[in-house]
């Protein structure tokens, strides 16, 4: 997947393109993982927190996308 702009990412999420989640995960998980570890979160939980947060953002953008 090419490097999409923020607008393209949001548009893809609203259109249900789950491939963008793979892109976001690969791009941001390492940084988020480090940030969570610095804040004392056990490494076993970092992927769970990231996945739940990403799922919530995905759901919220899809829901709001339908309000247009």
Protein backbone atom coordinates (compact mmCIF):
# COMPACT_ATOMS: atom_id res chain seq x y z
CA UNK A 1 0.00 0.00 0.00
CA UNK A 2 1.36 3.43 -0.93
CA UNK A 3 1.72 6.07 1.76
CA UNK A 4 -1.78 7.60 2.00
CA UNK A 5 -2.57 11.09 3.24
CA UNK A 6 -4.60 11.60 6.42
CA UNK A 7 -7.67 12.42 4.34
CA UNK A 8 -7.23 9.22 2.32
CA UNK A 9 -6.88 7.17 5.51
CA UNK A 10 -10.08 8.61 6.96
CA UNK A 11 -11.89 8.15 3.66
CA UNK A 12 -10.71 4.54 3.41
CA UNK A 13 -11.88 3.82 6.97
CA UNK A 14 -15.28 5.39 6.30
CA UNK A 15 -15.56 3.28 3.13
CA UNK A 16 -14.76 0.10 5.04
CA UNK A 17 -11.31 -0.50 3.56
CA UNK A 18 -9.75 -2.69 6.24
CA UNK A 19 -6.40 -2.74 4.41
CA UNK A 20 -5.76 0.71 5.84
CA UNK A 21 -5.80 -0.84 9.33
CA UNK A 22 -2.81 -2.98 8.36
CA UNK A 23 -1.00 0.14 7.16
CA UNK A 24 -1.81 2.05 10.37
CA UNK A 25 -0.77 -0.90 12.54
CA UNK A 26 2.57 -1.33 10.81
CA UNK A 27 3.29 2.39 10.85
CA UNK A 28 2.21 3.31 14.39
CA UNK A 29 2.34 0.21 16.61
CA UNK A 30 6.10 0.36 17.30
CA UNK A 31 5.87 3.98 18.50
CA UNK A 32 2.71 3.38 20.50
CA UNK A 33 4.24 0.27 22.04
CA UNK A 34 7.28 2.26 23.21
CA UNK A 35 5.06 5.01 24.59
CA UNK A 36 2.92 2.53 26.52
CA UNK A 37 5.99 0.73 27.89
CA UNK A 38 7.46 4.04 29.11
CA UNK A 39 4.19 4.63 30.95
CA UNK A 40 4.50 1.28 32.71
CA UNK A 41 2.15 -0.88 30.63
CA UNK A 42 3.31 -4.50 30.44
CA UNK A 43 4.42 -5.52 26.97
CA UNK A 44 1.83 -8.32 26.85
CA UNK A 45 -0.93 -5.69 26.99
CA UNK A 46 0.39 -3.21 24.45
CA UNK A 47 -1.00 -5.04 21.41
CA UNK A 48 -4.39 -5.43 23.12
CA UNK A 49 -4.61 -1.73 23.98
CA UNK A 50 -3.50 -0.74 20.48
CA UNK A 51 -5.97 -3.10 18.78
CA UNK A 52 -8.91 -2.01 20.94
CA UNK A 53 -8.13 1.66 20.38
CA UNK A 54 -7.76 1.16 16.63
CA UNK A 55 -11.03 -0.78 16.52
CA UNK A 56 -12.80 2.01 18.42
CA UNK A 57 -11.44 4.68 16.07
CA UNK A 58 -12.38 2.57 13.04
CA UNK A 59 -15.92 2.04 14.37
CA UNK A 60 -16.39 5.69 15.30
CA UNK A 61 -15.22 6.94 11.90
CA UNK A 62 -17.43 4.41 10.10
CA UNK A 63 -20.41 5.46 12.24
CA UNK A 64 -19.79 9.18 11.70
CA UNK A 65 -19.14 8.57 8.04
CA UNK A 66 -22.71 7.34 7.71
CA UNK A 67 -24.04 10.61 9.18
CA UNK A 68 -22.88 12.64 6.19
